Structure formats: C-alpha cells, structure tokens
Amino acid sequence: MCQRPRPNASSHAAVSSDSNPDFSPMEETGKFEKALAQKQIQVLFKRLFDLIASTVALILLAPLLLGIALLITLTSPGPVFFRQKREGYQGRDFLMWKFRSMQVRHDDSMITAQQTAAAQGKLIKLQRDPRVTRIGKILRVTSLDELPQLFNVLNGEMSLIGPRPLVPFMLDPYPDFRRTRALMRPGITGLWQIRDRENNTSALTMMKHDLEYIERFSLALDGRILLRTVGVVFSGKGAC
C-alpha cells in the first residue's frame, strides 16, 4: 500500500472512454450487463459461496481475530478497527472494515496533501509511513489487516472476489467506469490484487483488471484467483 508515480497523460488516454475504442460508455456497460444476465446462476452460486465461506472463516479465525484485536489494543491507543467509506454494488456506499494499522494522530501537512490528491481522484500512500505501528507493519505485510472485510462479505456489501473496493472520490473522474464496476460486488481479492498489487493509488491503474474481471466472470475464474491470492499473500509482494 504505497505511494506510486502518477500515471502519465498517455496512459490515461489509453483507457479513457473518449480515446479507447474498446470502451465506449453506455454500449460497453450494456454489454457487461447482458453478459452477467446470462450468468445469473453462477452469480447466485457466487453469493451462496460468499455466505458459507465467510461464515466458516469467521468461526475458524475467531481466536486469531481476537488475538489481533488484543495486540492492537495493548500496543497503541485508539480503536481496534479502521472503517472507511467505499463505493460498492449498484453504486451504494458502505463502510469497509480493516484492522487499524496506523497511529491515531493528525498530521496537518499530510491532510493537506491528501485533500489535494483527492481532488484529482488519487490517494497518497507512503513507502515507509511513520504513522504505521509495529503491529500494523506485520498486519499489512501478511494482509491480516484485511480479515475484518469478511464481515462485509457476510453482510452482502462485498464478495471474496471482485473489483477493488475504491474510495468514492477515486471514481469521480471516470463516470463510465463507475457505472460498469457497480455491476458486481467489490472483492477482498481480485485480478488487480494478484497481478498489480503495488499500483493502488488511482482507479486508472486498476481499470483494466476490473473490467476484464467483470467481462470474464465465472466461478472457475474465481477459483483460480483465490488460489493465486494465497501465493501473493505469502510472498508479501506489494504490501508495505
């Protein structure tokens, strides 16, 4: 979760609806809608799998979740969980849960920089952020900070696999992409996470992977993504 170079103008043009013949706004959104409509049985089984898997995982991982919560409480003041508004299925906003990995403090210079970046639809993430706690570093490298999102999956706000759940302002510059990615629930993991995890500060860098996932969605693809996610998590690649 790091700050990366901003995409240049040419990369923006390569995927924008105005200059990319492969993505014409309403026509492409309609194409994806029709493709998903033909896969309704798979979509239903996907939701059923999410319900069963998230329930079983939360039960089995309960001791680990409690242990992490205790460590966070003992090692730094502040809440156990970090909640942030994300844009989800059918364009509805929801609060995404994570274990808190940073100190609770206000940095005026960072706030100003984040506000400036937000106006451009981007996030600022530092390579070695001094606000990250000792426990937080471990949680991030191992992706254990993401485990509370199982509650989002159980609630129907997320899926185990899907497009990346983005902060709403990151989608403001791309209204057509916003409509298309709202066709599916965002996922804890997905094509972007297993291919290009390092680049996560702009919706632009994730657009290609998210659109490909929606277009190619199948239960078999979900299975392959889950298997590859295990390897990515153990490698720690792209986490910081």
C-alpha atoms as a PDB file:
ATOM      1  CA  MET A   1       0.000   0.000   0.000  1.00  0.00           C
ATOM      2  CA  CYS A   2       2.427   2.595  -1.176  1.00  0.00           C
ATOM      3  CA  GLN A   3       2.699   5.854  -2.983  1.00  0.00           C
ATOM      4  CA  ARG A   4       3.475   5.282  -6.668  1.00  0.00           C
ATOM      5  CA  PRO A   5       4.268   7.532  -9.620  1.00  0.00           C
ATOM      6  CA  ARG A   6       1.248   9.168 -11.176  1.00  0.00           C
ATOM      7  CA  PRO A   7       0.104   7.710 -14.494  1.00  0.00           C
ATOM      8  CA  ASN A   8       1.114   9.949 -17.375  1.00  0.00           C
ATOM      9  CA  ALA A   9      -1.275  11.502 -19.849  1.00  0.00           C
ATOM     10  CA  SER A  10      -0.665   8.821 -22.455  1.00  0.00           C
ATOM     11  CA  SER A  11      -1.690   6.031 -20.085  1.00  0.00           C
ATOM     12  CA  HIS A  12      -4.878   7.922 -19.260  1.00  0.00           C
ATOM     13  CA  ALA A  13      -5.703   8.247 -22.923  1.00  0.00           C
ATOM     14  CA  ALA A  14      -5.170   4.546 -23.436  1.00  0.00           C
ATOM     15  CA  VAL A  15      -8.128   3.642 -21.226  1.00  0.00           C
ATOM     16  CA  SER A  16     -10.387   6.683 -21.291  1.00  0.00           C
ATOM     17  CA  SER A  17     -13.793   6.244 -22.885  1.00  0.00           C
ATOM     18  CA  ASP A  18     -13.078   9.059 -25.361  1.00  0.00           C
ATOM     19  CA  SER A  19      -9.937   7.608 -26.871  1.00  0.00           C
ATOM     20  CA  ASN A  20     -10.228   3.854 -26.317  1.00  0.00           C
ATOM     21  CA  PRO A  21     -12.386   2.169 -28.956  1.00  0.00           C
ATOM     22  CA  ASP A  22     -12.642  -0.885 -26.679  1.00  0.00           C
ATOM     23  CA  PHE A  23     -14.603   1.019 -24.033  1.00  0.00           C
ATOM     24  CA  SER A  24     -17.472   3.131 -25.255  1.00  0.00           C
ATOM     25  CA  PRO A  25     -19.515   4.227 -22.207  1.00  0.00           C
ATOM     26  CA  MET A  26     -23.130   3.089 -22.319  1.00  0.00           C
ATOM     27  CA  GLU A  27     -22.601   0.477 -25.030  1.00  0.00           C
ATOM     28  CA  GLU A  28     -19.919  -1.318 -23.031  1.00  0.00           C
ATOM     29  CA  THR A  29     -21.861  -1.109 -19.769  1.00  0.00           C
ATOM     30  CA  GLY A  30     -24.826  -2.643 -21.554  1.00  0.00           C
ATOM     31  CA  LYS A  31     -22.605  -5.410 -22.909  1.00  0.00           C
ATOM     32  CA  PHE A  32     -21.391  -6.288 -19.436  1.00  0.00           C
ATOM     33  CA  GLU A  33     -24.956  -6.247 -18.078  1.00  0.00           C
ATOM     34  CA  LYS A  34     -26.090  -8.696 -20.764  1.00  0.00           C
ATOM     35  CA  ALA A  35     -23.094 -10.956 -20.147  1.00  0.00           C
ATOM     36  CA  LEU A  36     -23.818 -11.092 -16.404  1.00  0.00           C
ATOM     37  CA  ALA A  37     -27.531 -11.655 -17.034  1.00  0.00           C
ATOM     38  CA  GLN A  38     -26.576 -14.829 -18.900  1.00  0.00           C
ATOM     39  CA  LYS A  39     -24.561 -15.968 -15.881  1.00  0.00           C
ATOM     40  CA  GLN A  40     -27.220 -15.431 -13.219  1.00  0.00           C
ATOM     41  CA  ILE A  41     -26.955 -18.987 -11.886  1.00  0.00           C
ATOM     42  CA  GLN A  42     -23.202 -18.525 -11.414  1.00  0.00           C
ATOM     43  CA  VAL A  43     -23.825 -15.133  -9.764  1.00  0.00           C
ATOM     44  CA  LEU A  44     -26.256 -16.786  -7.323  1.00  0.00           C
ATOM     45  CA  PHE A  45     -23.794 -19.577  -6.521  1.00  0.00           C
ATOM     46  CA  LYS A  46     -21.080 -16.957  -6.052  1.00  0.00           C
ATOM     47  CA  ARG A  47     -23.184 -15.206  -3.398  1.00  0.00           C
ATOM     48  CA  LEU A  48     -24.026 -18.537  -1.745  1.00  0.00           C
ATOM     49  CA  PHE A  49     -20.331 -19.430  -1.624  1.00  0.00           C
ATOM     50  CA  ASP A  50     -19.546 -15.993  -0.139  1.00  0.00           C
ATOM     51  CA  LEU A  51     -22.095 -16.554   2.637  1.00  0.00           C
ATOM     52  CA  ILE A  52     -20.861 -20.033   3.519  1.00  0.00           C
ATOM     53  CA  ALA A  53     -17.144 -19.267   3.195  1.00  0.00           C
ATOM     54  CA  SER A  54     -17.271 -16.010   5.184  1.00  0.00           C
ATOM     55  CA  THR A  55     -19.329 -17.634   7.966  1.00  0.00           C
ATOM     56  CA  VAL A  56     -16.973 -20.625   8.258  1.00  0.00           C
ATOM     57  CA  ALA A  57     -13.884 -18.411   8.051  1.00  0.00           C
ATOM     58  CA  LEU A  58     -15.118 -16.066  10.785  1.00  0.00           C
ATOM     59  CA  ILE A  59     -15.818 -19.012  13.084  1.00  0.00           C
ATOM     60  CA  LEU A  60     -12.484 -20.719  12.449  1.00  0.00           C
ATOM     61  CA  LEU A  61     -10.488 -17.484  12.594  1.00  0.00           C
ATOM     62  CA  ALA A  62     -12.241 -16.103  15.683  1.00  0.00           C
ATOM     63  CA  PRO A  63      -9.261 -16.801  18.010  1.00  0.00           C
ATOM     64  CA  LEU A  64      -6.883 -15.116  15.555  1.00  0.00           C
ATOM     65  CA  LEU A  65      -9.193 -12.119  15.162  1.00  0.00           C
ATOM     66  CA  LEU A  66      -9.469 -11.737  18.939  1.00  0.00           C
ATOM     67  CA  GLY A  67      -5.702 -12.068  19.330  1.00  0.00           C
ATOM     68  CA  ILE A  68      -5.027  -9.352  16.758  1.00  0.00           C
ATOM     69  CA  ALA A  69      -7.615  -7.097  18.382  1.00  0.00           C
ATOM     70  CA  LEU A  70      -5.908  -7.568  21.752  1.00  0.00           C
ATOM     71  CA  LEU A  71      -2.449  -6.790  20.321  1.00  0.00           C
ATOM     72  CA  ILE A  72      -3.720  -3.593  18.688  1.00  0.00           C
ATOM     73  CA  THR A  73      -5.355  -2.506  21.947  1.00  0.00           C
ATOM     74  CA  LEU A  74      -2.240  -3.186  24.016  1.00  0.00           C
ATOM     75  CA  THR A  75       0.312  -1.609  21.662  1.00  0.00           C
ATOM     76  CA  SER A  76      -1.296   1.662  20.539  1.00  0.00           C
ATOM     77  CA  PRO A  77      -4.130   3.889  21.735  1.00  0.00           C
ATOM     78  CA  GLY A  78      -7.217   4.082  19.571  1.00  0.00           C
ATOM     79  CA  PRO A  79      -9.927   1.842  18.127  1.00  0.00           C
ATOM     80  CA  VAL A  80      -9.281  -1.733  17.014  1.00  0.00           C
ATOM     81  CA  PHE A  81     -10.895  -1.236  13.632  1.00  0.00           C
ATOM     82  CA  PHE A  82     -10.448   1.259  10.823  1.00  0.00           C
ATOM     83  CA  ARG A  83     -13.592   1.985   8.834  1.00  0.00           C
ATOM     84  CA  GLN A  84     -13.681   3.860   5.547  1.00  0.00           C
ATOM     85  CA  LYS A  85     -16.428   4.650   3.063  1.00  0.00           C
ATOM     86  CA  ARG A  86     -16.114   2.735  -0.200  1.00  0.00           C
ATOM     87  CA  GLU A  87     -18.318   2.560  -3.273  1.00  0.00           C
ATOM     88  CA  GLY A  88     -19.912  -0.804  -3.854  1.00  0.00           C
ATOM     89  CA  TYR A  89     -22.541  -2.820  -5.653  1.00  0.00           C
ATOM     90  CA  GLN A  90     -25.062  -0.758  -7.628  1.00  0.00           C
ATOM     91  CA  GLY A  91     -23.188   2.384  -6.621  1.00  0.00           C
ATOM     92  CA  ARG A  92     -24.143   2.127  -2.956  1.00  0.00           C
ATOM     93  CA  ASP A  93     -21.614   3.378  -0.415  1.00  0.00           C
ATOM     94  CA  PHE A  94     -20.682   1.183   2.537  1.00  0.00           C
ATOM     95  CA  LEU A  95     -18.176   1.174   5.384  1.00  0.00           C
ATOM     96  CA  MET A  96     -15.297  -1.215   4.737  1.00  0.00           C
ATOM     97  CA  TRP A  97     -13.676  -2.716   7.826  1.00  0.00           C
ATOM     98  CA  LYS A  98      -9.967  -3.301   8.433  1.00  0.00           C
ATOM     99  CA  PHE A  99      -7.822  -3.778  11.497  1.00  0.00           C
ATOM    100  CA  ARG A 100      -6.255  -0.434  12.395  1.00  0.00           C
ATOM    101  CA  SER A 101      -2.591  -0.440  11.390  1.00  0.00           C
ATOM    102  CA  MET A 102      -1.743   3.246  11.949  1.00  0.00           C
ATOM    103  CA  GLN A 103      -1.440   5.576  14.895  1.00  0.00           C
ATOM    104  CA  VAL A 104      -4.385   7.818  15.623  1.00  0.00           C
ATOM    105  CA  ARG A 105      -2.954  11.274  15.146  1.00  0.00           C
ATOM    106  CA  HIS A 106      -3.478  14.341  12.981  1.00  0.00           C
ATOM    107  CA  ASP A 107      -0.810  15.490  10.561  1.00  0.00           C
ATOM    108  CA  ASP A 108      -1.837  18.809   9.006  1.00  0.00           C
ATOM    109  CA  SER A 109       0.662  18.563   6.154  1.00  0.00           C
ATOM    110  CA  MET A 110      -0.488  15.038   5.275  1.00  0.00           C
ATOM    111  CA  ILE A 111      -4.141  16.070   5.455  1.00  0.00           C
ATOM    112  CA  THR A 112      -3.490  18.950   3.045  1.00  0.00           C
ATOM    113  CA  ALA A 113      -1.639  16.654   0.632  1.00  0.00           C
ATOM    114  CA  GLN A 114      -4.409  14.068   0.786  1.00  0.00           C
ATOM    115  CA  GLN A 115      -7.055  16.694   0.061  1.00  0.00           C
ATOM    116  CA  THR A 116      -5.089  17.895  -2.964  1.00  0.00           C
ATOM    117  CA  ALA A 117      -4.719  14.350  -4.265  1.00  0.00           C
ATOM    118  CA  ALA A 118      -8.403  13.620  -3.626  1.00  0.00           C
ATOM    119  CA  ALA A 119      -9.366  16.493  -5.925  1.00  0.00           C
ATOM    120  CA  GLN A 120      -7.533  14.578  -8.678  1.00  0.00           C
ATOM    121  CA  GLY A 121      -9.137  11.250  -7.796  1.00  0.00           C
ATOM    122  CA  LYS A 122      -5.937   9.839  -6.262  1.00  0.00           C
ATOM    123  CA  LEU A 123      -4.632   8.533  -2.954  1.00  0.00           C
ATOM    124  CA  ILE A 124      -1.334   9.280  -1.235  1.00  0.00           C
ATOM    125  CA  LYS A 125       0.367   6.237   0.274  1.00  0.00           C
ATOM    126  CA  LEU A 126       3.903   6.392   1.584  1.00  0.00           C
ATOM    127  CA  GLN A 127       6.538   3.682   1.181  1.00  0.00           C
ATOM    128  CA  ARG A 128       7.586   3.950   4.840  1.00  0.00           C
ATOM    129  CA  ASP A 129       4.752   5.762   6.549  1.00  0.00           C
ATOM    130  CA  PRO A 130       5.863   6.748  10.088  1.00  0.00           C
ATOM    131  CA  ARG A 131       2.259   6.523  11.278  1.00  0.00           C
ATOM    132  CA  VAL A 132       2.184   2.734  10.786  1.00  0.00           C
ATOM    133  CA  THR A 133       2.501   0.880  14.104  1.00  0.00           C
ATOM    134  CA  ARG A 134       4.803  -2.084  14.770  1.00  0.00           C
ATOM    135  CA  ILE A 135       1.844  -4.446  14.783  1.00  0.00           C
ATOM    136  CA  GLY A 136       0.435  -2.611  11.775  1.00  0.00           C
ATOM    137  CA  LYS A 137       3.524  -3.397   9.695  1.00  0.00           C
ATOM    138  CA  ILE A 138       3.062  -7.109  10.323  1.00  0.00           C
ATOM    139  CA  LEU A 139      -0.653  -6.931   9.608  1.00  0.00           C
ATOM    140  CA  ARG A 140      -0.055  -5.166   6.298  1.00  0.00           C
ATOM    141  CA  VAL A 141       2.716  -7.457   5.054  1.00  0.00           C
ATOM    142  CA  THR A 142       0.632 -10.547   5.851  1.00  0.00           C
ATOM    143  CA  SER A 143      -2.667  -8.937   4.720  1.00  0.00           C
ATOM    144  CA  LEU A 144      -4.173  -9.857   8.107  1.00  0.00           C
ATOM    145  CA  ASP A 145      -5.489  -6.302   8.364  1.00  0.00           C
ATOM    146  CA  GLU A 146      -7.987  -7.252   5.636  1.00  0.00           C
ATOM    147  CA  LEU A 147      -9.651 -10.067   7.615  1.00  0.00           C
ATOM    148  CA  PRO A 148     -12.475  -7.905   9.068  1.00  0.00           C
ATOM    149  CA  GLN A 149     -13.740  -7.496   5.494  1.00  0.00           C
ATOM    150  CA  LEU A 150     -15.198 -10.972   5.952  1.00  0.00           C
ATOM    151  CA  PHE A 151     -17.955  -9.166   7.860  1.00  0.00           C
ATOM    152  CA  ASN A 152     -18.555  -7.000   4.775  1.00  0.00           C
ATOM    153  CA  VAL A 153     -18.828 -10.182   2.698  1.00  0.00           C
ATOM    154  CA  LEU A 154     -21.271 -11.708   5.171  1.00  0.00           C
ATOM    155  CA  ASN A 155     -23.383  -8.524   5.047  1.00  0.00           C
ATOM    156  CA  GLY A 156     -23.549  -8.633   1.250  1.00  0.00           C
ATOM    157  CA  GLU A 157     -21.535  -5.442   0.780  1.00  0.00           C
ATOM    158  CA  MET A 158     -18.523  -7.265  -0.657  1.00  0.00           C
ATOM    159  CA  SER A 159     -17.561 -10.579  -2.226  1.00  0.00           C
ATOM    160  CA  LEU A 160     -14.479 -12.696  -1.667  1.00  0.00           C
ATOM    161  CA  ILE A 161     -13.500 -11.985  -5.293  1.00  0.00           C
ATOM    162  CA  GLY A 162     -14.365  -8.920  -7.346  1.00  0.00           C
ATOM    163  CA  PRO A 163     -13.269  -5.441  -8.403  1.00  0.00           C
ATOM    164  CA  ARG A 164     -11.219  -3.454  -5.892  1.00  0.00           C
ATOM    165  CA  PRO A 165     -13.432  -1.532  -3.393  1.00  0.00           C
ATOM    166  CA  LEU A 166     -12.485   2.083  -4.111  1.00  0.00           C
ATOM    167  CA  VAL A 167     -12.950   5.303  -2.176  1.00  0.00           C
ATOM    168  CA  PRO A 168     -15.774   7.204  -3.973  1.00  0.00           C
ATOM    169  CA  PHE A 169     -13.643  10.224  -4.957  1.00  0.00           C
ATOM    170  CA  MET A 170     -11.270   7.945  -6.866  1.00  0.00           C
ATOM    171  CA  LEU A 171     -14.102   7.179  -9.282  1.00  0.00           C
ATOM    172  CA  ASP A 172     -15.244  10.762  -9.791  1.00  0.00           C
ATOM    173  CA  PRO A 173     -13.031  11.337 -12.884  1.00  0.00           C
ATOM    174  CA  TYR A 174     -14.334   8.117 -14.506  1.00  0.00           C
ATOM    175  CA  PRO A 175     -18.174   8.081 -14.501  1.00  0.00           C
ATOM    176  CA  ASP A 176     -18.437   5.391 -17.193  1.00  0.00           C
ATOM    177  CA  PHE A 177     -16.062   3.067 -15.382  1.00  0.00           C
ATOM    178  CA  ARG A 178     -18.013   3.757 -12.173  1.00  0.00           C
ATOM    179  CA  ARG A 179     -21.268   2.537 -13.757  1.00  0.00           C
ATOM    180  CA  THR A 180     -19.702  -0.638 -15.095  1.00  0.00           C
ATOM    181  CA  ARG A 181     -17.832  -1.709 -11.954  1.00  0.00           C
ATOM    182  CA  ALA A 182     -21.019  -1.173  -9.910  1.00  0.00           C
ATOM    183  CA  LEU A 183     -22.472  -4.225 -11.683  1.00  0.00           C
ATOM    184  CA  MET A 184     -20.635  -6.518  -9.249  1.00  0.00           C
ATOM    185  CA  ARG A 185     -19.801  -6.502  -5.564  1.00  0.00           C
ATOM    186  CA  PRO A 186     -16.230  -5.384  -4.819  1.00  0.00           C
ATOM    187  CA  GLY A 187     -13.931  -8.128  -3.586  1.00  0.00           C
ATOM    188  CA  ILE A 188     -11.355  -8.734  -0.896  1.00  0.00           C
ATOM    189  CA  THR A 189      -9.183 -10.048  -3.707  1.00  0.00           C
ATOM    190  CA  GLY A 190      -9.344  -9.949  -7.498  1.00  0.00           C
ATOM    191  CA  LEU A 191      -7.350  -9.777 -10.705  1.00  0.00           C
ATOM    192  CA  TRP A 192      -5.733  -6.487  -9.729  1.00  0.00           C
ATOM    193  CA  GLN A 193      -4.585  -7.855  -6.375  1.00  0.00           C
ATOM    194  CA  ILE A 194      -2.827 -10.877  -7.898  1.00  0.00           C
ATOM    195  CA  ARG A 195      -1.339  -9.037 -10.888  1.00  0.00           C
ATOM    196  CA  ASP A 196      -0.531  -5.459  -9.952  1.00  0.00           C
ATOM    197  CA  ARG A 197      -0.904  -5.072  -6.204  1.00  0.00           C
ATOM    198  CA  GLU A 198       1.748  -2.362  -5.976  1.00  0.00           C
ATOM    199  CA  ASN A 199      -0.235   0.189  -8.015  1.00  0.00           C
ATOM    200  CA  ASN A 200      -3.276   1.132  -5.940  1.00  0.00           C
ATOM    201  CA  THR A 201      -3.340   4.915  -5.747  1.00  0.00           C
ATOM    202  CA  SER A 202      -5.589   5.594  -8.751  1.00  0.00           C
ATOM    203  CA  ALA A 203      -8.690   3.971 -10.247  1.00  0.00           C
ATOM    204  CA  LEU A 204      -6.934   4.333 -13.585  1.00  0.00           C
ATOM    205  CA  THR A 205      -4.304   1.730 -12.694  1.00  0.00           C
ATOM    206  CA  MET A 206      -6.987  -0.816 -11.745  1.00  0.00           C
ATOM    207  CA  MET A 207      -9.464  -0.127 -14.534  1.00  0.00           C
ATOM    208  CA  LYS A 208      -8.164  -2.713 -16.995  1.00  0.00           C
ATOM    209  CA  HIS A 209      -8.143  -5.543 -14.447  1.00  0.00           C
ATOM    210  CA  ASP A 210     -11.591  -4.714 -13.047  1.00  0.00           C
ATOM    211  CA  LEU A 211     -13.211  -4.517 -16.486  1.00  0.00           C
ATOM    212  CA  GLU A 212     -11.580  -7.775 -17.520  1.00  0.00           C
ATOM    213  CA  TYR A 213     -12.876  -9.484 -14.389  1.00  0.00           C
ATOM    214  CA  ILE A 214     -16.451  -8.321 -14.962  1.00  0.00           C
ATOM    215  CA  GLU A 215     -16.319  -9.376 -18.605  1.00  0.00           C
ATOM    216  CA  ARG A 216     -14.742 -12.798 -17.942  1.00  0.00           C
ATOM    217  CA  PHE A 217     -16.517 -13.583 -14.668  1.00  0.00           C
ATOM    218  CA  SER A 218     -17.049 -17.265 -13.940  1.00  0.00           C
ATOM    219  CA  LEU A 219     -16.849 -19.481 -10.883  1.00  0.00           C
ATOM    220  CA  ALA A 220     -13.794 -21.139 -12.410  1.00  0.00           C
ATOM    221  CA  LEU A 221     -12.054 -17.761 -12.699  1.00  0.00           C
ATOM    222  CA  ASP A 222     -12.923 -17.012  -9.072  1.00  0.00           C
ATOM    223  CA  GLY A 223     -11.356 -20.303  -8.031  1.00  0.00           C
ATOM    224  CA  ARG A 224      -8.124 -19.531  -9.884  1.00  0.00           C
ATOM    225  CA  ILE A 225      -7.950 -16.059  -8.339  1.00  0.00           C
ATOM    226  CA  LEU A 226      -8.416 -17.483  -4.825  1.00  0.00           C
ATOM    227  CA  LEU A 227      -5.613 -19.976  -5.346  1.00  0.00           C
ATOM    228  CA  ARG A 228      -3.226 -17.345  -6.685  1.00  0.00           C
ATOM    229  CA  THR A 229      -4.139 -14.983  -3.840  1.00  0.00           C
ATOM    230  CA  VAL A 230      -2.669 -17.452  -1.348  1.00  0.00           C
ATOM    231  CA  GLY A 231       0.696 -17.263  -3.109  1.00  0.00           C
ATOM    232  CA  VAL A 232       0.600 -13.466  -3.338  1.00  0.00           C
ATOM    233  CA  VAL A 233      -0.200 -13.121   0.367  1.00  0.00           C
ATOM    234  CA  PHE A 234       2.615 -15.445   1.430  1.00  0.00           C
ATOM    235  CA  SER A 235       5.071 -13.630  -0.815  1.00  0.00           C
ATOM    236  CA  GLY A 236       4.175 -10.266   0.729  1.00  0.00           C
ATOM    237  CA  LYS A 237       4.556  -8.704  -2.729  1.00  0.00           C
ATOM    238  CA  GLY A 238       3.133  -5.188  -2.984  1.00  0.00           C
ATOM    239  CA  ALA A 239       2.444  -4.867   0.761  1.00  0.00           C
ATOM    240  CA  CYS A 240       4.168  -2.244   2.873  1.00  0.00           C
END
